[in-house]
N, C-alpha and C. Protein backbone atom coordinates (compact mmCIF):
# COMPACT_ATOMS: atom_id res chain seq x y z
N MET A 1 48.70 164.55 -16.38
CA MET A 1 49.59 165.17 -15.69
C MET A 1 50.77 163.86 -15.82
N ALA A 2 52.14 164.32 -16.07
CA ALA A 2 53.08 163.99 -16.03
C ALA A 2 53.75 162.97 -14.71
N ASP A 3 54.16 162.00 -14.99
CA ASP A 3 54.79 161.02 -13.79
C ASP A 3 56.12 161.40 -13.62
N LEU A 4 56.88 160.72 -12.51
CA LEU A 4 57.97 160.99 -11.91
C LEU A 4 58.59 159.79 -12.33
N ASN A 5 59.91 159.30 -13.06
CA ASN A 5 60.35 158.17 -12.71
C ASN A 5 61.46 158.71 -11.75
N VAL A 6 61.25 157.60 -10.65
CA VAL A 6 62.06 157.84 -9.27
C VAL A 6 63.37 156.83 -9.32
N ALA A 7 64.16 157.09 -8.80
CA ALA A 7 65.39 155.67 -8.19
C ALA A 7 65.70 155.81 -7.25
N VAL A 8 65.77 155.19 -5.85
CA VAL A 8 66.61 155.24 -4.57
C VAL A 8 67.42 154.04 -4.64
N VAL A 9 68.86 154.45 -4.24
CA VAL A 9 69.98 153.56 -4.41
C VAL A 9 70.83 154.10 -3.21
N SER A 10 71.67 153.04 -2.56
CA SER A 10 72.71 153.56 -1.39
C SER A 10 73.86 153.12 -2.04
N ALA A 11 74.54 153.18 -1.33
CA ALA A 11 76.14 152.66 -1.44
C ALA A 11 75.90 151.05 -1.65
N GLU A 12 74.80 150.39 -1.04
CA GLU A 12 75.17 148.86 -0.77
C GLU A 12 74.46 148.19 -2.07
N LEU A 13 73.06 149.03 -2.37
CA LEU A 13 72.10 148.36 -3.38
C LEU A 13 71.14 149.56 -3.81
N SER A 14 70.22 148.90 -4.77
CA SER A 14 68.96 149.94 -5.12
C SER A 14 67.87 149.10 -4.13
N LEU A 15 67.46 150.30 -3.66
CA LEU A 15 66.15 150.53 -2.22
C LEU A 15 64.64 150.14 -3.28
N TRP A 16 64.67 151.34 -4.14
CA TRP A 16 63.04 151.46 -4.95
C TRP A 16 63.14 152.07 -6.22
N GLN A 17 62.53 151.65 -7.38
CA GLN A 17 62.50 152.05 -8.19
C GLN A 17 61.16 152.14 -8.48
N GLY A 18 60.44 153.21 -9.13
CA GLY A 18 59.06 153.01 -9.92
C GLY A 18 58.53 154.63 -10.35
N THR A 19 57.52 155.04 -10.56
CA THR A 19 56.83 156.00 -11.04
C THR A 19 55.79 156.51 -9.89
N ALA A 20 56.13 157.50 -9.78
CA ALA A 20 55.64 158.38 -8.55
C ALA A 20 55.04 159.97 -8.85
N ARG A 21 53.82 160.13 -7.76
CA ARG A 21 53.32 161.61 -8.28
C ARG A 21 53.99 162.58 -7.83
N SER A 22 55.14 162.62 -6.22
CA SER A 22 56.04 163.16 -5.55
C SER A 22 56.95 162.83 -4.78
N VAL A 23 57.69 163.31 -4.63
CA VAL A 23 58.82 162.98 -4.09
C VAL A 23 59.29 164.15 -2.96
N VAL A 24 59.33 163.79 -1.39
CA VAL A 24 59.94 164.76 -0.61
C VAL A 24 61.05 164.52 0.34
N ALA A 25 61.92 165.29 0.19
CA ALA A 25 63.39 164.80 0.37
C ALA A 25 63.78 165.84 0.97
N LYS A 26 64.48 165.85 2.46
CA LYS A 26 65.53 166.70 3.29
C LYS A 26 66.48 167.35 3.04
N THR A 27 66.81 168.81 3.03
CA THR A 27 68.10 169.03 2.70
C THR A 27 68.57 169.86 3.80
N PRO A 28 69.75 170.46 3.68
CA PRO A 28 70.29 171.08 4.66
C PRO A 28 69.20 172.92 4.51
N GLU A 29 68.55 173.28 3.73
CA GLU A 29 67.89 174.16 3.59
C GLU A 29 66.83 173.91 4.48
N GLY A 30 65.74 172.55 4.72
CA GLY A 30 64.72 172.61 4.62
C GLY A 30 63.96 171.25 3.88
N GLU A 31 63.01 171.04 4.06
CA GLU A 31 62.07 170.27 2.87
C GLU A 31 61.81 170.52 1.79
N ILE A 32 62.18 169.53 0.29
CA ILE A 32 61.69 169.62 -0.41
C ILE A 32 61.20 168.85 -1.06
N GLY A 33 60.08 169.85 -2.34
CA GLY A 33 58.77 168.59 -2.57
C GLY A 33 59.21 168.63 -4.49
N ILE A 34 58.91 167.58 -4.90
CA ILE A 34 58.72 167.61 -6.46
C ILE A 34 58.21 166.83 -6.92
N LEU A 35 57.41 167.45 -7.84
CA LEU A 35 56.37 166.77 -8.65
C LEU A 35 57.08 167.19 -9.93
N ALA A 36 56.29 166.78 -10.72
CA ALA A 36 56.54 165.98 -12.38
C ALA A 36 56.44 167.53 -13.11
N GLY A 37 57.66 168.19 -13.91
CA GLY A 37 57.64 169.49 -14.17
C GLY A 37 58.42 170.13 -13.35
N HIS A 38 59.17 169.91 -12.25
CA HIS A 38 59.95 170.28 -11.60
C HIS A 38 61.63 170.99 -12.54
N GLU A 39 61.46 171.99 -11.93
CA GLU A 39 63.02 172.48 -13.00
C GLU A 39 63.76 171.39 -12.10
N PRO A 40 64.87 171.55 -12.74
CA PRO A 40 66.62 170.61 -12.35
C PRO A 40 66.95 171.35 -10.96
N VAL A 41 67.46 170.24 -10.42
CA VAL A 41 67.88 170.46 -9.32
C VAL A 41 68.65 169.70 -8.94
N LEU A 42 69.86 169.67 -8.12
CA LEU A 42 70.84 169.12 -7.38
C LEU A 42 71.17 169.20 -6.15
N ALA A 43 70.85 168.81 -5.26
CA ALA A 43 70.98 169.01 -3.60
C ALA A 43 71.52 167.93 -2.89
N LEU A 44 71.69 168.29 -1.84
CA LEU A 44 72.59 167.09 -0.82
C LEU A 44 71.18 167.09 0.40
N LEU A 45 71.35 165.91 0.43
CA LEU A 45 70.62 165.44 1.94
C LEU A 45 70.92 165.03 3.21
N VAL A 46 70.08 165.72 4.14
CA VAL A 46 70.22 165.67 5.57
C VAL A 46 69.96 164.39 5.89
N GLU A 47 70.44 164.08 7.11
CA GLU A 47 69.38 162.92 8.09
C GLU A 47 67.97 163.09 8.13
N GLY A 48 66.83 162.02 7.55
CA GLY A 48 65.63 162.58 7.66
C GLY A 48 64.86 161.74 6.82
N PRO A 49 63.73 161.61 7.03
CA PRO A 49 62.59 160.62 5.80
C PRO A 49 63.14 160.89 4.39
N LEU A 50 62.69 160.48 3.51
CA LEU A 50 62.39 160.62 2.34
C LEU A 50 60.95 159.46 1.87
N ARG A 51 60.18 160.39 0.91
CA ARG A 51 59.00 160.52 1.46
C ARG A 51 58.60 160.40 -0.49
N VAL A 52 57.65 159.17 -1.04
CA VAL A 52 57.58 158.81 -2.27
C VAL A 52 55.99 158.71 -2.40
N GLU A 53 55.15 159.29 -3.13
CA GLU A 53 53.73 158.90 -3.34
C GLU A 53 54.03 158.37 -4.34
N THR A 54 53.33 156.88 -4.93
CA THR A 54 53.70 155.95 -6.01
C THR A 54 52.46 156.54 -7.13
N THR A 55 52.24 156.49 -8.45
CA THR A 55 50.85 156.64 -8.93
C THR A 55 49.88 155.74 -8.76
N ASP A 56 50.22 154.64 -7.75
CA ASP A 56 49.08 154.37 -7.44
C ASP A 56 48.69 154.55 -6.09
N GLY A 57 49.13 155.62 -5.67
CA GLY A 57 48.52 155.78 -4.32
C GLY A 57 49.40 155.62 -3.02
N THR A 58 50.27 154.53 -3.48
CA THR A 58 51.19 154.02 -1.98
C THR A 58 52.13 155.21 -1.79
N LYS A 59 52.56 154.83 -0.51
CA LYS A 59 53.40 155.38 0.17
C LYS A 59 54.66 154.95 0.54
N VAL A 60 55.84 155.43 -0.21
CA VAL A 60 56.92 154.34 0.50
C VAL A 60 57.58 155.72 0.96
N VAL A 61 58.54 155.37 2.30
CA VAL A 61 59.30 155.71 3.10
C VAL A 61 60.69 155.50 3.66
N VAL A 62 61.01 155.88 3.26
CA VAL A 62 62.89 155.51 3.50
C VAL A 62 63.45 156.55 4.54
N ALA A 63 64.28 155.72 5.16
CA ALA A 63 65.13 156.39 6.17
C ALA A 63 66.51 156.87 5.43
N VAL A 64 67.20 157.96 5.28
CA VAL A 64 67.67 158.55 4.69
C VAL A 64 69.03 159.19 5.56
N HIS A 65 70.06 158.55 5.41
CA HIS A 65 71.21 159.05 6.38
C HIS A 65 72.32 159.84 5.11
N GLY A 66 72.07 161.38 4.79
CA GLY A 66 73.08 161.78 4.05
C GLY A 66 72.77 161.44 2.73
N GLY A 67 73.46 162.27 1.70
CA GLY A 67 74.17 161.87 0.09
C GLY A 67 73.17 163.23 -0.71
N PHE A 68 72.66 163.16 -2.21
CA PHE A 68 72.29 163.64 -2.64
C PHE A 68 71.31 163.29 -3.75
N PHE A 69 70.48 163.99 -4.26
CA PHE A 69 69.43 163.46 -5.40
C PHE A 69 69.42 164.46 -6.25
N SER A 70 69.01 164.22 -7.34
CA SER A 70 69.29 165.40 -8.42
C SER A 70 67.85 164.86 -9.41
N VAL A 71 66.94 165.95 -9.80
CA VAL A 71 66.17 165.98 -10.79
C VAL A 71 66.37 166.87 -12.08
N ALA A 72 65.85 165.97 -12.88
CA ALA A 72 66.14 166.57 -14.40
C ALA A 72 65.09 165.53 -15.41
N LYS A 73 64.17 166.68 -15.85
CA LYS A 73 63.52 166.00 -17.10
C LYS A 73 62.55 165.14 -16.24
N ASP A 74 61.83 165.17 -15.10
CA ASP A 74 60.95 164.17 -14.22
C ASP A 74 61.54 162.97 -14.07
N GLU A 75 63.34 163.05 -13.87
CA GLU A 75 63.75 162.10 -13.41
C GLU A 75 64.18 162.14 -12.02
N VAL A 76 64.04 161.42 -11.21
CA VAL A 76 64.41 161.97 -10.07
C VAL A 76 65.49 160.69 -9.40
N LYS A 77 66.69 161.03 -9.23
CA LYS A 77 67.80 159.81 -8.54
C LYS A 77 67.77 160.67 -7.03
N VAL A 78 67.90 159.48 -6.26
CA VAL A 78 68.39 159.62 -4.67
C VAL A 78 69.66 158.66 -4.46
N ILE A 79 70.31 159.24 -4.64
CA ILE A 79 71.96 158.75 -3.97
C ILE A 79 72.30 158.47 -2.18
N ALA A 80 72.19 157.77 -1.65
CA ALA A 80 72.13 157.79 -0.25
C ALA A 80 73.13 157.33 0.36
N GLU A 81 74.07 157.96 1.08
CA GLU A 81 74.75 157.35 2.00
C GLU A 81 74.72 155.85 2.10
N VAL A 82 73.73 156.12 3.17
CA VAL A 82 73.21 154.95 3.81
C VAL A 82 71.80 154.82 3.76
N ALA A 83 70.77 154.43 3.48
CA ALA A 83 69.38 154.24 3.72
C ALA A 83 68.59 153.04 3.78
N GLU A 84 67.61 153.11 4.47
CA GLU A 84 66.80 151.88 4.52
C GLU A 84 65.15 152.26 4.10
N LEU A 85 64.69 150.74 3.91
CA LEU A 85 62.94 151.29 3.71
C LEU A 85 62.66 150.78 4.90
N ALA A 86 61.42 151.88 5.49
CA ALA A 86 60.54 151.57 6.55
C ALA A 86 60.31 150.57 7.03
N GLU A 87 59.68 149.70 6.28
CA GLU A 87 59.76 148.27 6.41
C GLU A 87 60.83 147.22 6.95
N ASP A 88 61.98 147.94 6.57
CA ASP A 88 62.43 146.87 6.67
C ASP A 88 63.89 147.19 8.09
N ILE A 89 63.56 148.18 8.88
CA ILE A 89 63.63 148.79 9.74
C ILE A 89 63.20 148.03 11.35
N ASP A 90 64.37 147.61 11.52
CA ASP A 90 64.65 146.55 13.14
C ASP A 90 63.81 147.78 14.48
N VAL A 91 62.54 147.78 14.69
CA VAL A 91 62.22 148.76 15.59
C VAL A 91 63.20 148.60 17.02
N GLU A 92 63.13 147.36 17.63
CA GLU A 92 63.67 147.30 18.80
C GLU A 92 65.38 147.56 18.68
N ARG A 93 66.04 147.25 17.50
CA ARG A 93 67.34 147.55 17.27
C ARG A 93 67.62 148.59 17.22
N ALA A 94 66.39 149.76 16.85
CA ALA A 94 66.66 151.57 16.74
C ALA A 94 66.67 151.64 18.01
N LYS A 95 65.31 150.97 19.16
CA LYS A 95 65.01 151.89 20.10
C LYS A 95 66.72 151.49 20.91
N ALA A 96 67.38 150.21 21.03
CA ALA A 96 68.35 149.96 21.62
C ALA A 96 69.35 150.93 21.24
N ALA A 97 69.65 151.37 20.18
CA ALA A 97 70.76 152.08 19.17
C ALA A 97 70.51 153.31 19.74
N LEU A 98 69.26 153.80 19.89
CA LEU A 98 68.69 154.77 20.36
C LEU A 98 69.51 155.33 22.03
N ALA A 99 68.92 154.32 22.72
CA ALA A 99 69.28 154.49 24.23
C ALA A 99 70.95 154.02 24.14
N ALA A 100 71.48 153.51 23.65
CA ALA A 100 73.03 153.23 23.52
C ALA A 100 73.80 154.63 22.96
N ALA A 101 73.30 155.36 22.19
CA ALA A 101 73.66 156.63 21.93
C ALA A 101 73.46 157.80 22.73
N LYS A 102 72.40 157.70 23.32
CA LYS A 102 71.99 158.91 24.42
C LYS A 102 73.33 158.66 25.74
N SER A 103 73.22 157.30 26.35
CA SER A 103 73.95 157.09 26.87
C SER A 103 75.86 157.22 26.81
N ALA A 104 75.88 156.94 25.86
CA ALA A 104 77.41 157.05 25.25
C ALA A 104 78.29 158.72 25.61
N SER A 105 77.40 159.46 24.78
CA SER A 105 77.89 160.39 24.80
C SER A 105 77.32 161.60 24.11
N GLU A 106 77.20 163.17 25.13
CA GLU A 106 76.39 164.02 24.33
C GLU A 106 76.96 164.80 22.92
N GLU A 107 78.18 164.39 23.31
CA GLU A 107 79.28 165.63 22.53
C GLU A 107 78.77 164.91 20.64
N ASP A 108 78.67 163.71 20.35
CA ASP A 108 78.39 162.99 19.30
C ASP A 108 77.09 162.95 19.19
N THR A 109 76.38 163.66 18.45
CA THR A 109 74.89 163.59 18.09
C THR A 109 74.56 163.09 16.99
N SER A 110 75.37 162.76 15.94
CA SER A 110 75.32 162.05 15.11
C SER A 110 74.25 160.59 15.08
N ALA A 111 74.51 159.55 16.18
CA ALA A 111 73.92 158.45 16.29
C ALA A 111 72.78 158.29 16.86
N ILE A 112 72.56 159.75 17.76
CA ILE A 112 71.11 159.99 18.35
C ILE A 112 70.15 160.18 16.79
N HIS A 113 70.27 161.26 16.16
CA HIS A 113 69.72 161.25 14.94
C HIS A 113 69.88 160.31 14.17
N ARG A 114 70.44 159.50 13.97
CA ARG A 114 70.51 158.19 12.98
C ARG A 114 68.99 157.51 13.58
N ALA A 115 69.31 157.00 14.92
CA ALA A 115 68.37 156.39 15.71
C ALA A 115 67.19 156.86 15.64
N GLU A 116 67.02 158.30 15.87
CA GLU A 116 65.44 158.81 15.86
C GLU A 116 65.21 158.86 14.61
N THR A 117 65.89 159.15 13.27
CA THR A 117 65.39 159.13 11.97
C THR A 117 64.53 157.78 11.35
N ARG A 118 65.43 156.53 12.16
CA ARG A 118 64.54 155.10 11.79
C ARG A 118 63.63 155.14 12.08
N LEU A 119 63.34 155.53 13.49
CA LEU A 119 62.35 155.24 14.16
C LEU A 119 61.13 156.11 13.60
N THR A 120 61.34 157.39 13.48
CA THR A 120 60.51 158.17 12.77
C THR A 120 59.82 157.55 11.52
N VAL A 121 60.66 157.11 10.30
CA VAL A 121 60.33 156.16 9.09
C VAL A 121 59.44 155.12 9.54
N ALA A 122 60.17 154.24 10.71
CA ALA A 122 59.26 153.05 10.88
C ALA A 122 58.02 153.02 11.25
N ALA A 123 57.79 154.10 12.35
CA ALA A 123 56.63 154.56 12.65
C ALA A 123 55.33 155.23 11.47
N ALA A 124 55.95 156.09 10.24
CA ALA A 124 55.56 156.17 9.51
C ALA A 124 54.95 155.26 8.64
N ALA A 125 55.59 154.17 8.60
CA ALA A 125 55.06 153.20 7.53
C ALA A 125 53.90 152.08 8.62
N LYS A 126 53.81 152.15 9.32
CA LYS A 126 52.64 151.87 10.03
C LYS A 126 51.73 152.13 9.97
N PRO A 127 50.39 151.02 9.08
CA PRO A 127 49.49 151.67 9.02
C PRO A 127 48.30 152.01 9.93
N LEU A 128 48.10 153.40 9.87
CA LEU A 128 46.76 153.89 10.94
C LEU A 128 45.78 153.72 11.19
N THR A 129 45.52 152.76 12.37
CA THR A 129 44.24 152.40 13.13
C THR A 129 43.29 153.30 13.86
N ARG A 130 42.33 152.81 13.13
CA ARG A 130 40.95 153.62 13.45
C ARG A 130 39.73 153.07 14.71
């Protein structure tokens, strides 16, 4: 089976690049999974986790805050407005941002969603304990 060549970038920097078995992203219509041989796609990204399974089985999880992605000939390009690798997320800072956003205003939920996404992604990167 062929591999995907994946690049994840934000406005500030290149976050991750490599080969992968699959990519799962969140669009306005729901989650979309990409495997090698997928038909061409150009889609918007919404607030949520981006999950990449590399060819060696490693999981890369990224908190994505808007943007878009494209798929063409086993090339996946993710261009996020703002994005963070799970291991780069400061959990305590994200918790504080969530608390501040919840107490600030119930009308603007974007800050709440952003903080919740960061916490979800950070938790996904933690190894499971058995």
